[in-house]
Structure formats: structure tokens, C-alpha cells
C-alpha atoms as a PDB file:
ATOM      1  CA  MET A   1     -14.689 -75.711   0.244  1.00  0.00           C
ATOM      2  CA  ALA A   2     -12.702 -72.041   0.699  1.00  0.00           C
ATOM      3  CA  GLN A   3     -13.172 -68.976  -0.568  1.00  0.00           C
ATOM      4  CA  VAL A   4      -9.303 -68.942  -2.302  1.00  0.00           C
ATOM      5  CA  VAL A   5      -7.473 -71.770  -2.754  1.00  0.00           C
ATOM      6  CA  PRO A   6      -4.298 -71.706  -3.747  1.00  0.00           C
ATOM      7  CA  THR A   7      -2.534 -73.817  -6.594  1.00  0.00           C
ATOM      8  CA  PRO A   8       0.989 -73.975  -8.931  1.00  0.00           C
ATOM      9  CA  GLU A   9      -0.613 -71.605 -11.397  1.00  0.00           C
ATOM     10  CA  GLY A  10      -2.543 -68.375  -8.227  1.00  0.00           C
ATOM     11  CA  PHE A  11      -5.058 -69.240  -7.027  1.00  0.00           C
ATOM     12  CA  GLU A  12      -9.229 -70.133  -8.029  1.00  0.00           C
ATOM     13  CA  VAL A  13     -12.095 -68.631  -6.579  1.00  0.00           C
ATOM     14  CA  GLU A  14     -14.591 -69.365  -5.995  1.00  0.00           C
ATOM     15  CA  ALA A  15     -16.834 -68.211  -8.678  1.00  0.00           C
ATOM     16  CA  GLY A  16     -19.727 -67.110  -5.731  1.00  0.00           C
ATOM     17  CA  LEU A  17     -17.554 -64.351  -3.944  1.00  0.00           C
ATOM     18  CA  LEU A  18     -17.234 -62.974  -7.394  1.00  0.00           C
ATOM     19  CA  ALA A  19     -21.039 -62.631  -8.461  1.00  0.00           C
ATOM     20  CA  SER A  20     -20.781 -61.266  -5.030  1.00  0.00           C
ATOM     21  CA  ALA A  21     -19.180 -58.358  -6.371  1.00  0.00           C
ATOM     22  CA  PHE A  22     -19.972 -57.772  -9.627  1.00  0.00           C
ATOM     23  CA  GLY A  23     -23.597 -57.716  -8.234  1.00  0.00           C
ATOM     24  CA  ILE A  24     -24.072 -61.297 -11.532  1.00  0.00           C
ATOM     25  CA  ASP A  25     -25.250 -64.524 -10.916  1.00  0.00           C
ATOM     26  CA  GLU A  26     -22.259 -67.238 -10.289  1.00  0.00           C
ATOM     27  CA  ALA A  27     -23.718 -68.823 -13.745  1.00  0.00           C
ATOM     28  CA  ARG A  28     -22.845 -65.248 -15.021  1.00  0.00           C
ATOM     29  CA  VAL A  29     -19.889 -65.678 -13.460  1.00  0.00           C
ATOM     30  CA  ARG A  30     -18.300 -68.364 -15.415  1.00  0.00           C
ATOM     31  CA  ASP A  31     -20.126 -67.814 -19.095  1.00  0.00           C
ATOM     32  CA  GLU A  32     -17.842 -63.994 -18.719  1.00  0.00           C
ATOM     33  CA  MET A  33     -15.543 -65.605 -17.460  1.00  0.00           C
ATOM     34  CA  ARG A  34     -15.063 -67.820 -20.481  1.00  0.00           C
ATOM     35  CA  ALA A  35     -15.660 -65.013 -22.838  1.00  0.00           C
ATOM     36  CA  GLY A  36     -13.248 -62.542 -21.641  1.00  0.00           C
ATOM     37  CA  ALA A  37     -15.390 -60.149 -20.073  1.00  0.00           C
ATOM     38  CA  ILE A  38     -14.010 -60.916 -15.841  1.00  0.00           C
ATOM     39  CA  THR A  39     -10.683 -60.987 -16.447  1.00  0.00           C
ATOM     40  CA  SER A  40      -7.634 -61.261 -13.722  1.00  0.00           C
ATOM     41  CA  LEU A  41      -3.818 -60.736 -12.543  1.00  0.00           C
ATOM     42  CA  CYS A  42      -2.255 -62.247  -9.626  1.00  0.00           C
ATOM     43  CA  GLU A  43       1.311 -60.788  -8.311  1.00  0.00           C
ATOM     44  CA  THR A  44       2.927 -62.525  -6.302  1.00  0.00           C
ATOM     45  CA  GLY A  45       4.340 -60.189  -2.825  1.00  0.00           C
ATOM     46  CA  VAL A  46       8.083 -58.977  -2.312  1.00  0.00           C
ATOM     47  CA  ASP A  47       9.812 -58.068   0.038  1.00  0.00           C
ATOM     48  CA  GLU A  48       7.833 -56.313   2.643  1.00  0.00           C
ATOM     49  CA  ASP A  49       4.557 -58.365   1.158  1.00  0.00           C
ATOM     50  CA  ALA A  50       6.479 -62.000   0.422  1.00  0.00           C
ATOM     51  CA  GLY A  51       4.433 -64.498   1.342  1.00  0.00           C
ATOM     52  CA  ARG A  52       1.108 -62.311   0.467  1.00  0.00           C
ATOM     53  CA  SER A  53      -0.224 -62.034  -3.086  1.00  0.00           C
ATOM     54  CA  ARG A  54      -2.841 -59.873  -4.840  1.00  0.00           C
ATOM     55  CA  VAL A  55      -5.529 -60.615  -7.331  1.00  0.00           C
ATOM     56  CA  THR A  56      -7.721 -58.867  -9.456  1.00  0.00           C
ATOM     57  CA  PHE A  57     -10.305 -59.159 -11.201  1.00  0.00           C
ATOM     58  CA  ARG A  58     -12.305 -57.153 -13.093  1.00  0.00           C
ATOM     59  CA  TYR A  59     -15.784 -56.724 -14.912  1.00  0.00           C
ATOM     60  CA  GLY A  60     -16.605 -53.837 -17.028  1.00  0.00           C
ATOM     61  CA  THR A  61     -15.449 -50.551 -14.604  1.00  0.00           C
ATOM     62  CA  ARG A  62     -15.362 -53.143 -11.086  1.00  0.00           C
ATOM     63  CA  VAL A  63     -12.886 -54.401  -9.597  1.00  0.00           C
ATOM     64  CA  LEU A  64     -11.817 -56.974  -6.985  1.00  0.00           C
ATOM     65  CA  ARG A  65      -9.739 -56.534  -5.106  1.00  0.00           C
ATOM     66  CA  LEU A  66      -7.877 -59.439  -3.067  1.00  0.00           C
ATOM     67  CA  ILE A  67      -4.757 -59.929  -0.439  1.00  0.00           C
ATOM     68  CA  VAL A  68      -4.423 -63.111   1.128  1.00  0.00           C
ATOM     69  CA  ASP A  69      -1.512 -65.185   2.268  1.00  0.00           C
ATOM     70  CA  ASP A  70       0.117 -68.374   1.254  1.00  0.00           C
ATOM     71  CA  ALA A  71      -2.790 -70.868   2.579  1.00  0.00           C
ATOM     72  CA  GLY A  72      -5.248 -69.041   0.672  1.00  0.00           C
ATOM     73  CA  LYS A  73      -6.286 -66.520   3.590  1.00  0.00           C
ATOM     74  CA  VAL A  74      -8.246 -63.777   2.286  1.00  0.00           C
ATOM     75  CA  VAL A  75      -6.122 -60.637   4.331  1.00  0.00           C
ATOM     76  CA  SER A  76      -8.009 -57.673   3.369  1.00  0.00           C
ATOM     77  CA  ASN A  77     -10.127 -56.479  -0.478  1.00  0.00           C
ATOM     78  CA  GLY A  78     -11.870 -53.473  -2.207  1.00  0.00           C
ATOM     79  CA  ARG A  79     -13.789 -53.030  -4.273  1.00  0.00           C
ATOM     80  CA  PHE A  80     -14.035 -49.732  -6.451  1.00  0.00           C
ATOM     81  CA  ASP A  81     -14.626 -49.046 -10.758  1.00  0.00           C
ATOM     82  CA  VAL A  82     -13.211 -48.083 -12.404  1.00  0.00           C
ATOM     83  CA  ARG A  83     -12.729 -46.027 -16.451  1.00  0.00           C
ATOM     84  CA  PRO A  84     -13.806 -47.889 -18.651  1.00  0.00           C
ATOM     85  CA  ARG A  85     -11.425 -49.421 -21.296  1.00  0.00           C
ATOM     86  CA  PRO A  86     -10.824 -47.185 -23.964  1.00  0.00           C
END
């Protein structure tokens, strides 16, 4: 299975990809997503970004951002830290 799969609602991302990005195991990824500790946002590109989407995951102060095409191929990715939420 590909790491990112397009769906009518957005994209499905393999737990292993998130586990690697956040330094946790796959079972914990699932638990943290169910608990709302890992959040996601999917944005669809327009104009020069048409045909691509930005999929962002946040876990605590860590962020994984994926730019994917309509087929789910990861075009680019980035990991960075952000300030804690109040």
C-alpha cells in the first residue's frame, strides 16, 4: 500500500509515516489520533497549486507537512516545531 492514498474526503496516511515523523510507534499514533492529540488539516491547492494538496499533521509542538498530488504521491514534505498551544 502507498503511504498516502486519496479518498473522497481527503487522504489516508499510513500510521508508519506519522510514527516515524513524531518518534512514536504505530499503535500510539492510532491511540493519539483517537484521543485528538494528533490533529490533521487537508488543504486543496488552487491556481498554480491546482492538482496538489497540503496535508498537515500536528502532535504537541511537532508538525509534519506533506504536499501531495492528486494520486497521493508525496511531492515534498517538511517537519518542524511550533509553539505550544495555550
